[in-house]
Amino acid sequence: MRLRHALAVFIAALAVSAGPAVRAEDQPAPAADFAAFNTSCMGATSFLLGEPPAGVDVGAVFTALCGCLATEFAPLSQADLDMLTADLNGTATKESRDAYAGYPELASKAQAGLNSCFTSDAVMPLLKPAAPADAPKQ
């Protein structure tokens, strides 16, 4: 009986060890934390818009724009997102950009995402100034 029990344990252990190995590189990377990015994005008026036109609801623009950017940048790693956050909040320097491996490619992705968001149906209409209340209707 002991031999049968030992053999069953051995076979079970062998079956478990023969299963597919799960390597760390096979696991999907955890989603990046966008909290700091969103905060920086919502406060980056001059960086992202310059001087907004009079009559533009900047809060509405940034709610739509930052939400769009979060979607565009969702595939990025946490390190990439942290670098873009530093750009947005003004803490990135030439030295930190030069030291960041792949920064030119990251900046290119960021610019493409920003262009896509600015021209999206969610953001583009918000960039037009609201008509004054006393303006004649056409």
N, C-alpha and C. Protein backbone atom coordinates (compact mmCIF):
# COMPACT_ATOMS: atom_id res chain seq x y z
N MET A 1 0.82 -1.20 0.00
CA MET A 1 0.00 0.00 0.00
C MET A 1 0.86 1.25 0.00
N ARG A 2 1.96 1.22 0.78
CA ARG A 2 2.84 2.38 0.82
C ARG A 2 3.45 2.62 -0.56
N LEU A 3 3.82 1.56 -1.22
CA LEU A 3 4.43 1.69 -2.53
C LEU A 3 3.44 2.29 -3.53
N ARG A 4 2.20 1.84 -3.48
CA ARG A 4 1.17 2.37 -4.36
C ARG A 4 0.96 3.86 -4.07
N HIS A 5 0.91 4.27 -2.81
CA HIS A 5 0.73 5.67 -2.42
C HIS A 5 1.92 6.50 -2.89
N ALA A 6 3.12 5.99 -2.68
CA ALA A 6 4.32 6.70 -3.10
C ALA A 6 4.35 6.85 -4.61
N LEU A 7 3.96 5.79 -5.31
CA LEU A 7 3.92 5.84 -6.77
C LEU A 7 2.89 6.85 -7.26
N ALA A 8 1.73 6.91 -6.62
CA ALA A 8 0.70 7.88 -7.00
C ALA A 8 1.18 9.31 -6.78
N VAL A 9 1.85 9.56 -5.68
CA VAL A 9 2.39 10.89 -5.39
C VAL A 9 3.44 11.26 -6.43
N PHE A 10 4.31 10.30 -6.76
CA PHE A 10 5.35 10.53 -7.75
C PHE A 10 4.75 10.86 -9.12
N ILE A 11 3.74 10.11 -9.53
CA ILE A 11 3.09 10.34 -10.82
C ILE A 11 2.40 11.70 -10.84
N ALA A 12 1.75 12.04 -9.74
CA ALA A 12 1.09 13.35 -9.66
C ALA A 12 2.12 14.48 -9.76
N ALA A 13 3.23 14.33 -9.06
CA ALA A 13 4.28 15.35 -9.11
C ALA A 13 4.87 15.45 -10.50
N LEU A 14 5.06 14.31 -11.14
CA LEU A 14 5.58 14.29 -12.49
C LEU A 14 4.62 14.97 -13.46
N ALA A 15 3.34 14.73 -13.31
CA ALA A 15 2.33 15.35 -14.18
C ALA A 15 2.32 16.87 -14.01
N VAL A 16 2.43 17.31 -12.77
CA VAL A 16 2.44 18.76 -12.51
C VAL A 16 3.69 19.39 -13.10
N SER A 17 4.83 18.75 -12.91
CA SER A 17 6.08 19.33 -13.40
C SER A 17 6.19 19.24 -14.91
N ALA A 18 5.47 18.34 -15.55
CA ALA A 18 5.53 18.21 -16.99
C ALA A 18 4.61 19.19 -17.70
N GLY A 19 3.75 19.87 -16.95
CA GLY A 19 2.84 20.85 -17.54
C GLY A 19 3.61 22.03 -18.10
N PRO A 20 2.92 22.87 -18.84
CA PRO A 20 3.62 24.00 -19.44
C PRO A 20 4.16 24.95 -18.37
N ALA A 21 5.40 25.34 -18.55
CA ALA A 21 6.01 26.26 -17.60
C ALA A 21 5.48 27.66 -17.89
N VAL A 22 5.18 28.40 -16.85
CA VAL A 22 4.72 29.77 -16.99
C VAL A 22 5.89 30.67 -16.64
N ARG A 23 6.40 31.32 -17.66
CA ARG A 23 7.54 32.20 -17.46
C ARG A 23 7.05 33.62 -17.25
N ALA A 24 7.84 34.40 -16.55
CA ALA A 24 7.47 35.79 -16.27
C ALA A 24 7.27 36.58 -17.57
N GLU A 25 8.11 36.31 -18.58
CA GLU A 25 7.99 37.06 -19.83
C GLU A 25 6.76 36.68 -20.63
N ASP A 26 6.13 35.53 -20.27
CA ASP A 26 4.89 35.12 -20.93
C ASP A 26 3.66 35.79 -20.33
N GLN A 27 3.82 36.35 -19.16
CA GLN A 27 2.70 36.99 -18.47
C GLN A 27 2.51 38.40 -19.04
N PRO A 28 1.26 38.83 -19.20
CA PRO A 28 1.05 40.20 -19.68
C PRO A 28 1.53 41.19 -18.62
N ALA A 29 2.09 42.28 -19.09
CA ALA A 29 2.54 43.32 -18.18
C ALA A 29 1.33 43.93 -17.49
N PRO A 30 1.47 44.29 -16.21
CA PRO A 30 0.34 44.93 -15.55
C PRO A 30 0.04 46.27 -16.20
N ALA A 31 -1.20 46.64 -16.18
CA ALA A 31 -1.60 47.93 -16.76
C ALA A 31 -0.92 49.06 -16.00
N ALA A 32 -0.54 50.07 -16.74
CA ALA A 32 0.11 51.23 -16.13
C ALA A 32 -0.89 51.99 -15.27
N ASP A 33 -0.38 52.63 -14.23
CA ASP A 33 -1.20 53.45 -13.33
C ASP A 33 -1.23 54.86 -13.90
N PHE A 34 -2.41 55.32 -14.28
CA PHE A 34 -2.57 56.61 -14.93
C PHE A 34 -2.88 57.77 -13.98
N ALA A 35 -2.87 57.54 -12.67
CA ALA A 35 -3.27 58.59 -11.72
C ALA A 35 -2.40 59.84 -11.88
N ALA A 36 -1.09 59.69 -11.84
CA ALA A 36 -0.19 60.85 -11.95
C ALA A 36 -0.29 61.48 -13.34
N PHE A 37 -0.40 60.65 -14.36
CA PHE A 37 -0.54 61.17 -15.72
C PHE A 37 -1.80 62.02 -15.85
N ASN A 38 -2.92 61.50 -15.36
CA ASN A 38 -4.19 62.24 -15.47
C ASN A 38 -4.12 63.57 -14.73
N THR A 39 -3.52 63.57 -13.55
CA THR A 39 -3.38 64.82 -12.79
C THR A 39 -2.54 65.82 -13.56
N SER A 40 -1.41 65.35 -14.10
CA SER A 40 -0.52 66.24 -14.87
C SER A 40 -1.20 66.72 -16.14
N CYS A 41 -1.92 65.83 -16.80
CA CYS A 41 -2.61 66.20 -18.04
C CYS A 41 -3.65 67.29 -17.78
N MET A 42 -4.44 67.12 -16.75
CA MET A 42 -5.49 68.10 -16.46
C MET A 42 -4.93 69.48 -16.11
N GLY A 43 -3.66 69.54 -15.68
CA GLY A 43 -3.05 70.82 -15.32
C GLY A 43 -2.08 71.35 -16.36
N ALA A 44 -2.01 70.73 -17.52
CA ALA A 44 -1.01 71.11 -18.51
C ALA A 44 -1.57 72.02 -19.60
N THR A 45 -2.34 73.00 -19.20
CA THR A 45 -2.99 73.89 -20.16
C THR A 45 -2.00 74.52 -21.12
N SER A 46 -0.98 75.20 -20.60
CA SER A 46 -0.06 75.90 -21.50
C SER A 46 0.77 74.92 -22.31
N PHE A 47 1.11 73.76 -21.75
CA PHE A 47 1.90 72.76 -22.48
C PHE A 47 1.10 72.19 -23.64
N LEU A 48 -0.16 71.89 -23.42
CA LEU A 48 -0.98 71.23 -24.44
C LEU A 48 -1.78 72.18 -25.32
N LEU A 49 -2.21 73.31 -24.77
CA LEU A 49 -3.07 74.22 -25.54
C LEU A 49 -2.44 75.57 -25.83
N GLY A 50 -1.40 75.92 -25.11
CA GLY A 50 -0.89 77.28 -25.22
C GLY A 50 -1.89 78.20 -24.55
N GLU A 51 -2.24 79.28 -25.21
CA GLU A 51 -3.26 80.20 -24.70
C GLU A 51 -4.59 79.81 -25.32
N PRO A 52 -5.49 79.22 -24.52
CA PRO A 52 -6.77 78.79 -25.10
C PRO A 52 -7.58 79.99 -25.58
N PRO A 53 -8.29 79.83 -26.67
CA PRO A 53 -9.12 80.92 -27.17
C PRO A 53 -10.20 81.29 -26.15
N ALA A 54 -10.57 82.56 -26.14
CA ALA A 54 -11.64 83.01 -25.25
C ALA A 54 -12.92 82.26 -25.59
N GLY A 55 -13.65 81.90 -24.57
CA GLY A 55 -14.92 81.22 -24.77
C GLY A 55 -14.82 79.70 -24.83
N VAL A 56 -13.59 79.16 -24.75
CA VAL A 56 -13.41 77.71 -24.76
C VAL A 56 -13.48 77.21 -23.32
N ASP A 57 -14.28 76.20 -23.10
CA ASP A 57 -14.39 75.57 -21.77
C ASP A 57 -13.20 74.63 -21.60
N VAL A 58 -12.14 75.15 -20.99
CA VAL A 58 -10.89 74.40 -20.84
C VAL A 58 -11.11 73.12 -20.05
N GLY A 59 -11.95 73.15 -19.04
CA GLY A 59 -12.23 71.95 -18.26
C GLY A 59 -12.81 70.84 -19.12
N ALA A 60 -13.76 71.19 -19.97
CA ALA A 60 -14.37 70.19 -20.86
C ALA A 60 -13.36 69.67 -21.87
N VAL A 61 -12.53 70.57 -22.40
CA VAL A 61 -11.50 70.16 -23.36
C VAL A 61 -10.56 69.16 -22.71
N PHE A 62 -10.09 69.49 -21.50
CA PHE A 62 -9.12 68.61 -20.85
C PHE A 62 -9.73 67.30 -20.36
N THR A 63 -10.97 67.31 -19.99
CA THR A 63 -11.63 66.06 -19.61
C THR A 63 -11.65 65.12 -20.81
N ALA A 64 -12.04 65.63 -21.97
CA ALA A 64 -12.09 64.82 -23.19
C ALA A 64 -10.68 64.47 -23.67
N LEU A 65 -9.80 65.44 -23.68
CA LEU A 65 -8.44 65.24 -24.20
C LEU A 65 -7.66 64.24 -23.34
N CYS A 66 -7.68 64.42 -22.04
CA CYS A 66 -6.91 63.53 -21.15
C CYS A 66 -7.49 62.12 -21.16
N GLY A 67 -8.81 62.01 -21.27
CA GLY A 67 -9.42 60.69 -21.39
C GLY A 67 -8.99 60.00 -22.68
N CYS A 68 -8.96 60.76 -23.75
CA CYS A 68 -8.52 60.22 -25.05
C CYS A 68 -7.05 59.80 -24.97
N LEU A 69 -6.21 60.64 -24.37
CA LEU A 69 -4.79 60.31 -24.27
C LEU A 69 -4.57 59.05 -23.42
N ALA A 70 -5.35 58.90 -22.36
CA ALA A 70 -5.23 57.69 -21.54
C ALA A 70 -5.55 56.45 -22.37
N THR A 71 -6.52 56.56 -23.24
CA THR A 71 -6.85 55.43 -24.12
C THR A 71 -5.73 55.19 -25.13
N GLU A 72 -5.22 56.26 -25.72
CA GLU A 72 -4.13 56.15 -26.69
C GLU A 72 -2.88 55.55 -26.06
N PHE A 73 -2.60 55.92 -24.82
CA PHE A 73 -1.36 55.51 -24.17
C PHE A 73 -1.52 54.24 -23.32
N ALA A 74 -2.69 53.64 -23.31
CA ALA A 74 -2.92 52.43 -22.51
C ALA A 74 -1.91 51.32 -22.75
N PRO A 75 -1.44 51.12 -23.99
CA PRO A 75 -0.46 50.04 -24.20
C PRO A 75 0.95 50.33 -23.67
N LEU A 76 1.23 51.57 -23.28
CA LEU A 76 2.58 51.94 -22.85
C LEU A 76 2.92 51.31 -21.51
N SER A 77 4.21 51.14 -21.29
CA SER A 77 4.69 50.63 -20.01
C SER A 77 4.59 51.74 -18.96
N GLN A 78 4.71 51.35 -17.70
CA GLN A 78 4.68 52.34 -16.63
C GLN A 78 5.84 53.32 -16.77
N ALA A 79 7.02 52.82 -17.16
CA ALA A 79 8.19 53.70 -17.32
C ALA A 79 7.94 54.73 -18.42
N ASP A 80 7.36 54.28 -19.55
CA ASP A 80 7.06 55.22 -20.63
C ASP A 80 6.04 56.26 -20.17
N LEU A 81 5.02 55.80 -19.49
CA LEU A 81 3.99 56.72 -19.01
C LEU A 81 4.57 57.71 -18.00
N ASP A 82 5.45 57.25 -17.14
CA ASP A 82 6.10 58.15 -16.18
C ASP A 82 6.93 59.21 -16.88
N MET A 83 7.59 58.83 -17.97
CA MET A 83 8.39 59.80 -18.74
C MET A 83 7.47 60.85 -19.38
N LEU A 84 6.35 60.40 -19.95
CA LEU A 84 5.40 61.36 -20.53
C LEU A 84 4.79 62.26 -19.46
N THR A 85 4.57 61.70 -18.29
CA THR A 85 4.04 62.49 -17.17
C THR A 85 5.04 63.58 -16.80
N ALA A 86 6.32 63.23 -16.76
CA ALA A 86 7.36 64.23 -16.46
C ALA A 86 7.38 65.32 -17.52
N ASP A 87 7.16 64.95 -18.77
CA ASP A 87 7.06 65.96 -19.83
C ASP A 87 5.89 66.90 -19.56
N LEU A 88 4.74 66.31 -19.24
CA LEU A 88 3.53 67.11 -19.01
C LEU A 88 3.66 68.06 -17.83
N ASN A 89 4.25 67.57 -16.75
CA ASN A 89 4.30 68.42 -15.55
C ASN A 89 5.55 69.29 -15.48
N GLY A 90 6.37 69.24 -16.52
CA GLY A 90 7.53 70.13 -16.61
C GLY A 90 8.74 69.69 -15.82
N THR A 91 8.76 68.46 -15.31
CA THR A 91 9.92 68.01 -14.54
C THR A 91 10.94 67.28 -15.40
N ALA A 92 10.60 66.94 -16.63
CA ALA A 92 11.57 66.30 -17.53
C ALA A 92 12.60 67.34 -17.97
N THR A 93 13.83 66.91 -18.09
CA THR A 93 14.91 67.78 -18.54
C THR A 93 15.52 67.18 -19.81
N LYS A 94 16.34 67.95 -20.46
CA LYS A 94 17.06 67.43 -21.63
C LYS A 94 17.86 66.20 -21.23
N GLU A 95 18.49 66.27 -20.07
CA GLU A 95 19.29 65.15 -19.60
C GLU A 95 18.44 63.91 -19.35
N SER A 96 17.26 64.08 -18.73
CA SER A 96 16.42 62.91 -18.46
C SER A 96 15.86 62.33 -19.76
N ARG A 97 15.58 63.19 -20.72
CA ARG A 97 15.11 62.70 -22.02
C ARG A 97 16.23 61.97 -22.76
N ASP A 98 17.43 62.54 -22.74
CA ASP A 98 18.58 61.90 -23.40
C ASP A 98 18.92 60.57 -22.75
N ALA A 99 18.74 60.47 -21.44
CA ALA A 99 19.08 59.24 -20.71
C ALA A 99 18.01 58.16 -20.86
N TYR A 100 16.82 58.53 -21.30
CA TYR A 100 15.73 57.56 -21.41
C TYR A 100 15.85 56.80 -22.72
N ALA A 101 16.14 55.52 -22.63
CA ALA A 101 16.28 54.69 -23.84
C ALA A 101 14.98 54.71 -24.63
N GLY A 102 15.07 55.03 -25.89
CA GLY A 102 13.89 55.03 -26.75
C GLY A 102 13.04 56.28 -26.65
N TYR A 103 13.56 57.34 -26.05
CA TYR A 103 12.75 58.55 -25.90
C TYR A 103 12.28 59.12 -27.26
N PRO A 104 13.11 59.15 -28.30
CA PRO A 104 12.61 59.70 -29.57
C PRO A 104 11.38 58.93 -30.09
N GLU A 105 11.40 57.60 -29.96
CA GLU A 105 10.25 56.81 -30.41
C GLU A 105 9.04 57.08 -29.52
N LEU A 106 9.28 57.19 -28.21
CA LEU A 106 8.20 57.49 -27.28
C LEU A 106 7.59 58.86 -27.58
N ALA A 107 8.43 59.84 -27.83
CA ALA A 107 7.94 61.18 -28.15
C ALA A 107 7.13 61.16 -29.45
N SER A 108 7.57 60.36 -30.39
CA SER A 108 6.83 60.23 -31.65
C SER A 108 5.45 59.60 -31.42
N LYS A 109 5.39 58.56 -30.59
CA LYS A 109 4.11 57.93 -30.25
C LYS A 109 3.20 58.93 -29.53
N ALA A 110 3.80 59.69 -28.63
CA ALA A 110 3.02 60.67 -27.87
C ALA A 110 2.46 61.74 -28.79
N GLN A 111 3.27 62.20 -29.73
CA GLN A 111 2.80 63.23 -30.67
C GLN A 111 1.69 62.69 -31.55
N ALA A 112 1.83 61.45 -32.00
CA ALA A 112 0.78 60.84 -32.82
C ALA A 112 -0.51 60.71 -32.02
N GLY A 113 -0.41 60.29 -30.76
CA GLY A 113 -1.59 60.17 -29.91
C GLY A 113 -2.23 61.51 -29.65
N LEU A 114 -1.41 62.52 -29.41
CA LEU A 114 -1.94 63.87 -29.18
C LEU A 114 -2.64 64.40 -30.42
N ASN A 115 -2.04 64.21 -31.58
CA ASN A 115 -2.68 64.65 -32.83
C ASN A 115 -4.01 63.93 -33.04
N SER A 116 -4.01 62.63 -32.78
CA SER A 116 -5.24 61.85 -32.94
C SER A 116 -6.33 62.35 -32.00
N CYS A 117 -5.96 62.65 -30.78
CA CYS A 117 -6.96 63.12 -29.80
C CYS A 117 -7.47 64.51 -30.13
N PHE A 118 -6.56 65.42 -30.51
CA PHE A 118 -6.99 66.78 -30.84
C PHE A 118 -7.96 66.79 -32.01
N THR A 119 -7.80 65.88 -32.94
CA THR A 119 -8.66 65.87 -34.12
C THR A 119 -9.86 64.93 -33.95
N SER A 120 -10.02 64.34 -32.78
CA SER A 120 -11.13 63.40 -32.55
C SER A 120 -12.46 64.15 -32.43
N ASP A 121 -13.53 63.41 -32.66
CA ASP A 121 -14.87 63.98 -32.53
C ASP A 121 -15.19 64.36 -31.09
N ALA A 122 -14.47 63.79 -30.14
CA ALA A 122 -14.72 64.11 -28.73
C ALA A 122 -14.07 65.43 -28.33
N VAL A 123 -12.97 65.80 -28.98
CA VAL A 123 -12.22 66.99 -28.56
C VAL A 123 -12.41 68.17 -29.52
N MET A 124 -12.35 67.92 -30.80
CA MET A 124 -12.37 68.99 -31.80
C MET A 124 -13.51 70.00 -31.60
N PRO A 125 -14.75 69.57 -31.40
CA PRO A 125 -15.82 70.55 -31.23
C PRO A 125 -15.66 71.42 -29.98
N LEU A 126 -14.99 70.88 -28.97
CA LEU A 126 -14.81 71.61 -27.71
C LEU A 126 -13.78 72.73 -27.83
N LEU A 127 -12.97 72.69 -28.87
CA LEU A 127 -11.94 73.71 -29.05
C LEU A 127 -12.48 74.98 -29.71
N LYS A 128 -13.73 74.91 -30.17
CA LYS A 128 -14.34 76.09 -30.78
C LYS A 128 -15.00 76.91 -29.68
N PRO A 129 -14.76 78.20 -29.68
CA PRO A 129 -15.39 79.05 -28.65
C PRO A 129 -16.91 78.99 -28.73
N ALA A 130 -17.52 79.02 -27.57
CA ALA A 130 -18.98 79.05 -27.52
C ALA A 130 -19.45 80.41 -28.02
N ALA A 131 -20.55 80.41 -28.71
CA ALA A 131 -21.12 81.67 -29.20
C ALA A 131 -21.66 82.45 -28.01
N PRO A 132 -21.44 83.76 -28.00
CA PRO A 132 -22.01 84.57 -26.92
C PRO A 132 -23.52 84.43 -26.87
N ALA A 133 -24.08 84.54 -25.69
CA ALA A 133 -25.52 84.37 -25.51
C ALA A 133 -26.33 85.38 -26.32
N ASP A 134 -25.76 86.56 -26.54
CA ASP A 134 -26.51 87.59 -27.26
C ASP A 134 -26.19 87.60 -28.76
N ALA A 135 -25.47 86.60 -29.24
CA ALA A 135 -25.13 86.54 -30.67
C ALA A 135 -26.39 86.18 -31.46
N PRO A 136 -26.54 86.79 -32.65
CA PRO A 136 -27.73 86.47 -33.47
C PRO A 136 -27.63 85.02 -33.96
N LYS A 137 -28.77 84.37 -33.99
CA LYS A 137 -28.84 82.98 -34.47
C LYS A 137 -28.97 83.01 -35.98
N GLN A 138 -28.31 82.07 -36.61
CA GLN A 138 -28.36 82.04 -38.08
C GLN A 138 -29.20 80.91 -38.55
